[in-house]
Amino acid sequence: MEKKQLRRIKIKRRIRGIVNGTSEKPRMTVFRSNKEIYVQLIDDTVGNTLVSASSVKFKKTKSSTKSSIALEVGKIIAEKSIKSGINEVMFDRNGYLYHGRVKMLAEGARDGGLKF
């Protein structure tokens, strides 16, 4: 593995030692690929995914950026989670820096009404 991947895995393990989700306050985890961004709300006590959203079904135009799409995914996850009765989450950036698409997703979720 490359040094960059090893560093992310190390950070990810350190974060997961601190952040645990429950059914009242699930863990909101982010996965960022080169093209897409995915987010899930996970109850770690049972191991179930409660709500999920991704950028896969978005219509991408020339004017849309990956960051603007991440903002919309954040709003969608907030809308879905509030419909299912979840208002507060624990944010798990999954070893990624809180910058760029990860930050925009978090801001979109906050704009949508989630608290973390």
N, C-alpha and C. Protein backbone atom coordinates (compact mmCIF):
# COMPACT_ATOMS: atom_id res chain seq x y z
N MET A 1 0.83 -1.19 0.00
CA MET A 1 0.00 0.00 0.00
C MET A 1 0.87 1.25 0.00
N GLU A 2 0.29 2.30 -0.51
CA GLU A 2 1.01 3.56 -0.52
C GLU A 2 0.94 4.23 0.85
N LYS A 3 1.85 5.16 1.07
CA LYS A 3 1.88 5.85 2.35
C LYS A 3 0.60 6.62 2.62
N LYS A 4 0.01 7.17 1.57
CA LYS A 4 -1.22 7.95 1.72
C LYS A 4 -2.36 7.07 2.23
N GLN A 5 -2.49 5.87 1.66
CA GLN A 5 -3.54 4.94 2.07
C GLN A 5 -3.31 4.46 3.50
N LEU A 6 -2.06 4.16 3.83
CA LEU A 6 -1.75 3.71 5.19
C LEU A 6 -2.06 4.79 6.22
N ARG A 7 -1.77 6.04 5.88
CA ARG A 7 -2.05 7.15 6.77
C ARG A 7 -3.55 7.27 7.00
N ARG A 8 -4.35 7.14 5.93
CA ARG A 8 -5.80 7.24 6.06
C ARG A 8 -6.36 6.10 6.90
N ILE A 9 -5.84 4.91 6.72
CA ILE A 9 -6.31 3.76 7.50
C ILE A 9 -5.98 3.95 8.98
N LYS A 10 -4.81 4.47 9.26
CA LYS A 10 -4.40 4.73 10.65
C LYS A 10 -5.32 5.77 11.31
N ILE A 11 -5.61 6.83 10.59
CA ILE A 11 -6.51 7.86 11.10
C ILE A 11 -7.91 7.30 11.28
N LYS A 12 -8.35 6.48 10.32
CA LYS A 12 -9.68 5.87 10.36
C LYS A 12 -9.84 5.01 11.61
N ARG A 13 -8.84 4.20 11.92
CA ARG A 13 -8.90 3.34 13.11
C ARG A 13 -8.94 4.16 14.39
N ARG A 14 -8.18 5.25 14.43
CA ARG A 14 -8.17 6.11 15.61
C ARG A 14 -9.55 6.76 15.81
N ILE A 15 -10.17 7.22 14.73
CA ILE A 15 -11.49 7.84 14.82
C ILE A 15 -12.52 6.81 15.27
N ARG A 16 -12.47 5.60 14.70
CA ARG A 16 -13.46 4.56 15.03
C ARG A 16 -13.35 4.09 16.47
N GLY A 17 -12.19 4.30 17.10
CA GLY A 17 -12.07 3.98 18.52
C GLY A 17 -12.85 4.94 19.38
N ILE A 18 -13.10 6.14 18.86
CA ILE A 18 -13.81 7.17 19.61
C ILE A 18 -15.29 7.23 19.24
N VAL A 19 -15.58 7.16 17.94
CA VAL A 19 -16.93 7.39 17.43
C VAL A 19 -17.67 6.06 17.30
N ASN A 20 -18.77 5.92 18.06
CA ASN A 20 -19.65 4.76 17.95
C ASN A 20 -21.07 5.24 17.83
N GLY A 21 -21.83 4.66 16.92
CA GLY A 21 -23.20 5.07 16.70
C GLY A 21 -24.19 4.19 17.44
N THR A 22 -25.28 4.80 17.89
CA THR A 22 -26.39 4.07 18.50
C THR A 22 -27.63 4.31 17.66
N SER A 23 -28.75 3.72 18.05
CA SER A 23 -29.97 3.92 17.28
C SER A 23 -30.49 5.34 17.44
N GLU A 24 -30.25 5.98 18.62
CA GLU A 24 -30.68 7.36 18.83
C GLU A 24 -29.74 8.35 18.14
N LYS A 25 -28.44 8.05 18.17
CA LYS A 25 -27.42 8.94 17.60
C LYS A 25 -26.47 8.10 16.74
N PRO A 26 -26.88 7.79 15.49
CA PRO A 26 -26.05 6.90 14.66
C PRO A 26 -24.78 7.58 14.15
N ARG A 27 -23.89 6.75 13.65
CA ARG A 27 -22.63 7.24 13.09
C ARG A 27 -22.86 7.54 11.61
N MET A 28 -22.53 8.78 11.21
CA MET A 28 -22.66 9.19 9.82
C MET A 28 -21.29 9.05 9.16
N THR A 29 -21.13 8.02 8.36
CA THR A 29 -19.83 7.74 7.76
C THR A 29 -19.82 8.11 6.28
N VAL A 30 -18.68 8.60 5.81
CA VAL A 30 -18.52 9.10 4.46
C VAL A 30 -17.51 8.23 3.72
N PHE A 31 -17.82 7.87 2.48
CA PHE A 31 -16.84 7.23 1.61
C PHE A 31 -16.73 8.08 0.36
N ARG A 32 -15.51 8.39 0.00
CA ARG A 32 -15.25 9.28 -1.12
C ARG A 32 -14.42 8.52 -2.16
N SER A 33 -15.00 8.31 -3.33
CA SER A 33 -14.21 7.73 -4.43
C SER A 33 -13.78 8.86 -5.35
N ASN A 34 -13.11 8.53 -6.44
CA ASN A 34 -12.66 9.57 -7.36
C ASN A 34 -13.83 10.29 -8.02
N LYS A 35 -14.90 9.56 -8.30
CA LYS A 35 -16.04 10.16 -9.03
C LYS A 35 -17.24 10.44 -8.13
N GLU A 36 -17.49 9.61 -7.14
CA GLU A 36 -18.74 9.69 -6.37
C GLU A 36 -18.44 9.93 -4.89
N ILE A 37 -19.53 10.20 -4.13
CA ILE A 37 -19.44 10.30 -2.68
C ILE A 37 -20.66 9.57 -2.11
N TYR A 38 -20.42 8.81 -1.05
CA TYR A 38 -21.46 7.99 -0.43
C TYR A 38 -21.50 8.32 1.06
N VAL A 39 -22.69 8.26 1.65
CA VAL A 39 -22.83 8.52 3.08
C VAL A 39 -23.88 7.55 3.64
N GLN A 40 -23.61 7.05 4.86
CA GLN A 40 -24.52 6.13 5.53
C GLN A 40 -24.68 6.53 6.98
N LEU A 41 -25.85 6.27 7.53
CA LEU A 41 -26.07 6.39 8.97
C LEU A 41 -26.13 4.97 9.52
N ILE A 42 -25.21 4.65 10.44
CA ILE A 42 -25.03 3.27 10.89
C ILE A 42 -25.26 3.18 12.39
N ASP A 43 -26.04 2.18 12.80
CA ASP A 43 -26.21 1.84 14.21
C ASP A 43 -25.19 0.75 14.52
N ASP A 44 -24.13 1.10 15.27
CA ASP A 44 -23.05 0.15 15.53
C ASP A 44 -23.40 -0.89 16.58
N THR A 45 -24.42 -0.65 17.39
CA THR A 45 -24.79 -1.65 18.41
C THR A 45 -25.34 -2.91 17.75
N VAL A 46 -26.07 -2.75 16.65
CA VAL A 46 -26.65 -3.88 15.92
C VAL A 46 -25.87 -4.17 14.64
N GLY A 47 -25.27 -3.13 14.06
CA GLY A 47 -24.54 -3.28 12.81
C GLY A 47 -25.40 -3.06 11.59
N ASN A 48 -26.44 -2.25 11.73
CA ASN A 48 -27.35 -1.98 10.61
C ASN A 48 -27.14 -0.60 10.03
N THR A 49 -27.32 -0.49 8.72
CA THR A 49 -27.38 0.80 8.06
C THR A 49 -28.81 1.29 8.11
N LEU A 50 -29.01 2.45 8.72
CA LEU A 50 -30.36 2.99 8.88
C LEU A 50 -30.80 3.79 7.66
N VAL A 51 -29.93 4.68 7.17
CA VAL A 51 -30.24 5.53 6.02
C VAL A 51 -28.97 5.67 5.19
N SER A 52 -29.12 5.78 3.88
CA SER A 52 -27.95 5.99 3.03
C SER A 52 -28.31 6.91 1.86
N ALA A 53 -27.29 7.54 1.32
CA ALA A 53 -27.45 8.39 0.14
C ALA A 53 -26.13 8.41 -0.62
N SER A 54 -26.19 8.70 -1.92
CA SER A 54 -24.97 8.79 -2.71
C SER A 54 -25.19 9.71 -3.89
N SER A 55 -24.11 10.00 -4.57
CA SER A 55 -24.17 10.89 -5.73
C SER A 55 -24.30 10.13 -7.03
N VAL A 56 -24.56 8.85 -6.97
CA VAL A 56 -24.59 8.01 -8.17
C VAL A 56 -25.73 8.40 -9.11
N LYS A 57 -26.90 8.72 -8.56
CA LYS A 57 -28.07 8.98 -9.39
C LYS A 57 -28.21 10.46 -9.79
N PHE A 58 -27.21 11.28 -9.49
CA PHE A 58 -27.26 12.68 -9.84
C PHE A 58 -26.97 12.88 -11.32
N LYS A 59 -27.69 13.81 -11.92
CA LYS A 59 -27.39 14.21 -13.29
C LYS A 59 -26.24 15.22 -13.24
N LYS A 60 -25.12 14.83 -13.80
CA LYS A 60 -23.95 15.69 -13.77
C LYS A 60 -23.91 16.55 -15.02
N THR A 61 -23.79 17.85 -14.82
CA THR A 61 -23.68 18.77 -15.95
C THR A 61 -22.26 19.33 -15.97
N LYS A 62 -21.95 20.09 -16.99
CA LYS A 62 -20.61 20.67 -17.08
C LYS A 62 -20.37 21.72 -16.01
N SER A 63 -21.46 22.36 -15.54
CA SER A 63 -21.30 23.42 -14.54
C SER A 63 -21.27 22.87 -13.12
N SER A 64 -21.71 21.63 -12.90
CA SER A 64 -21.72 21.07 -11.55
C SER A 64 -20.34 20.53 -11.19
N THR A 65 -19.92 20.83 -9.96
CA THR A 65 -18.64 20.33 -9.47
C THR A 65 -18.89 19.20 -8.49
N LYS A 66 -17.84 18.46 -8.16
CA LYS A 66 -17.98 17.38 -7.19
C LYS A 66 -18.36 17.92 -5.82
N SER A 67 -17.86 19.12 -5.48
CA SER A 67 -18.20 19.73 -4.19
C SER A 67 -19.66 20.14 -4.13
N SER A 68 -20.18 20.71 -5.21
CA SER A 68 -21.59 21.10 -5.21
C SER A 68 -22.50 19.88 -5.14
N ILE A 69 -22.09 18.79 -5.77
CA ILE A 69 -22.87 17.54 -5.69
C ILE A 69 -22.82 16.99 -4.27
N ALA A 70 -21.66 17.07 -3.61
CA ALA A 70 -21.54 16.61 -2.23
C ALA A 70 -22.45 17.41 -1.30
N LEU A 71 -22.60 18.71 -1.55
CA LEU A 71 -23.50 19.54 -0.76
C LEU A 71 -24.94 19.05 -0.90
N GLU A 72 -25.35 18.69 -2.12
CA GLU A 72 -26.70 18.18 -2.35
C GLU A 72 -26.90 16.82 -1.69
N VAL A 73 -25.89 15.97 -1.72
CA VAL A 73 -25.99 14.66 -1.06
C VAL A 73 -26.16 14.85 0.45
N GLY A 74 -25.47 15.83 1.02
CA GLY A 74 -25.63 16.15 2.43
C GLY A 74 -27.05 16.56 2.77
N LYS A 75 -27.65 17.37 1.90
CA LYS A 75 -29.04 17.79 2.12
C LYS A 75 -30.00 16.61 2.01
N ILE A 76 -29.72 15.70 1.07
CA ILE A 76 -30.58 14.53 0.88
C ILE A 76 -30.51 13.61 2.10
N ILE A 77 -29.29 13.37 2.63
CA ILE A 77 -29.16 12.48 3.79
C ILE A 77 -29.85 13.10 5.00
N ALA A 78 -29.80 14.42 5.13
CA ALA A 78 -30.48 15.09 6.24
C ALA A 78 -31.99 14.93 6.11
N GLU A 79 -32.49 15.10 4.91
CA GLU A 79 -33.93 14.97 4.67
C GLU A 79 -34.41 13.55 4.97
N LYS A 80 -33.66 12.55 4.48
CA LYS A 80 -34.04 11.15 4.72
C LYS A 80 -33.98 10.79 6.20
N SER A 81 -32.94 11.27 6.89
CA SER A 81 -32.79 10.91 8.31
C SER A 81 -33.85 11.58 9.17
N ILE A 82 -34.22 12.81 8.86
CA ILE A 82 -35.26 13.49 9.63
C ILE A 82 -36.60 12.80 9.41
N LYS A 83 -36.85 12.32 8.19
CA LYS A 83 -38.08 11.55 7.91
C LYS A 83 -38.13 10.28 8.75
N SER A 84 -36.98 9.65 8.97
CA SER A 84 -36.95 8.42 9.75
C SER A 84 -36.79 8.68 11.25
N GLY A 85 -36.81 9.95 11.67
CA GLY A 85 -36.81 10.27 13.10
C GLY A 85 -35.43 10.47 13.71
N ILE A 86 -34.41 10.67 12.91
CA ILE A 86 -33.06 10.87 13.41
C ILE A 86 -32.69 12.34 13.22
N ASN A 87 -32.41 13.03 14.33
CA ASN A 87 -32.07 14.46 14.26
C ASN A 87 -30.62 14.73 14.59
N GLU A 88 -29.96 13.79 15.28
CA GLU A 88 -28.59 14.01 15.74
C GLU A 88 -27.73 12.81 15.37
N VAL A 89 -26.52 13.08 14.87
CA VAL A 89 -25.61 12.02 14.44
C VAL A 89 -24.20 12.31 14.95
N MET A 90 -23.35 11.27 14.85
CA MET A 90 -21.92 11.43 15.13
C MET A 90 -21.22 11.34 13.78
N PHE A 91 -20.43 12.34 13.44
CA PHE A 91 -19.81 12.43 12.11
C PHE A 91 -18.51 11.64 12.10
N ASP A 92 -18.39 10.72 11.14
CA ASP A 92 -17.20 9.91 10.94
C ASP A 92 -16.66 10.24 9.56
N ARG A 93 -15.56 10.98 9.51
CA ARG A 93 -15.01 11.39 8.22
C ARG A 93 -14.21 10.27 7.57
N ASN A 94 -14.09 9.14 8.24
CA ASN A 94 -13.53 7.92 7.67
C ASN A 94 -12.06 8.06 7.26
N GLY A 95 -11.32 8.89 7.98
CA GLY A 95 -9.90 9.05 7.70
C GLY A 95 -9.59 10.12 6.68
N TYR A 96 -10.61 10.67 6.02
CA TYR A 96 -10.39 11.74 5.05
C TYR A 96 -10.23 13.06 5.79
N LEU A 97 -9.49 13.99 5.18
CA LEU A 97 -9.36 15.31 5.76
C LEU A 97 -10.71 16.03 5.69
N TYR A 98 -10.99 16.85 6.71
CA TYR A 98 -12.23 17.62 6.72
C TYR A 98 -12.01 18.84 5.83
N HIS A 99 -12.13 18.59 4.53
CA HIS A 99 -11.79 19.60 3.53
C HIS A 99 -12.45 19.19 2.23
N GLY A 100 -12.83 20.13 1.42
CA GLY A 100 -13.37 19.83 0.11
C GLY A 100 -14.72 19.16 0.15
N ARG A 101 -14.82 18.00 -0.50
CA ARG A 101 -16.12 17.31 -0.62
C ARG A 101 -16.66 16.84 0.72
N VAL A 102 -15.78 16.39 1.61
CA VAL A 102 -16.22 15.92 2.93
C VAL A 102 -16.82 17.08 3.72
N LYS A 103 -16.18 18.23 3.66
CA LYS A 103 -16.66 19.42 4.35
C LYS A 103 -17.99 19.89 3.76
N MET A 104 -18.11 19.88 2.44
CA MET A 104 -19.34 20.30 1.79
C MET A 104 -20.50 19.37 2.13
N LEU A 105 -20.23 18.07 2.21
CA LEU A 105 -21.26 17.11 2.59
C LEU A 105 -21.74 17.40 4.01
N ALA A 106 -20.82 17.67 4.92
CA ALA A 106 -21.18 17.97 6.31
C ALA A 106 -21.99 19.26 6.39
N GLU A 107 -21.59 20.28 5.63
CA GLU A 107 -22.33 21.55 5.64
C GLU A 107 -23.73 21.37 5.06
N GLY A 108 -23.87 20.54 4.03
CA GLY A 108 -25.18 20.26 3.47
C GLY A 108 -26.08 19.55 4.46
N ALA A 109 -25.51 18.62 5.23
CA ALA A 109 -26.29 17.90 6.24
C ALA A 109 -26.72 18.85 7.36
N ARG A 110 -25.82 19.75 7.74
CA ARG A 110 -26.18 20.75 8.76
C ARG A 110 -27.26 21.69 8.25
N ASP A 111 -27.15 22.11 6.98
CA ASP A 111 -28.17 22.99 6.39
C ASP A 111 -29.52 22.28 6.33
N GLY A 112 -29.49 20.98 6.14
CA GLY A 112 -30.73 20.18 6.07
C GLY A 112 -31.37 19.94 7.42
N GLY A 113 -30.66 20.24 8.52
CA GLY A 113 -31.26 20.12 9.84
C GLY A 113 -30.63 19.09 10.76
N LEU A 114 -29.60 18.39 10.34
CA LEU A 114 -28.93 17.43 11.21
C LEU A 114 -28.02 18.16 12.19
N LYS A 115 -27.87 17.60 13.39
CA LYS A 115 -26.99 18.18 14.39
C LYS A 115 -25.86 17.22 14.67
N PHE A 116 -24.63 17.74 14.60
CA PHE A 116 -23.44 16.96 14.99
C PHE A 116 -22.30 17.89 15.27
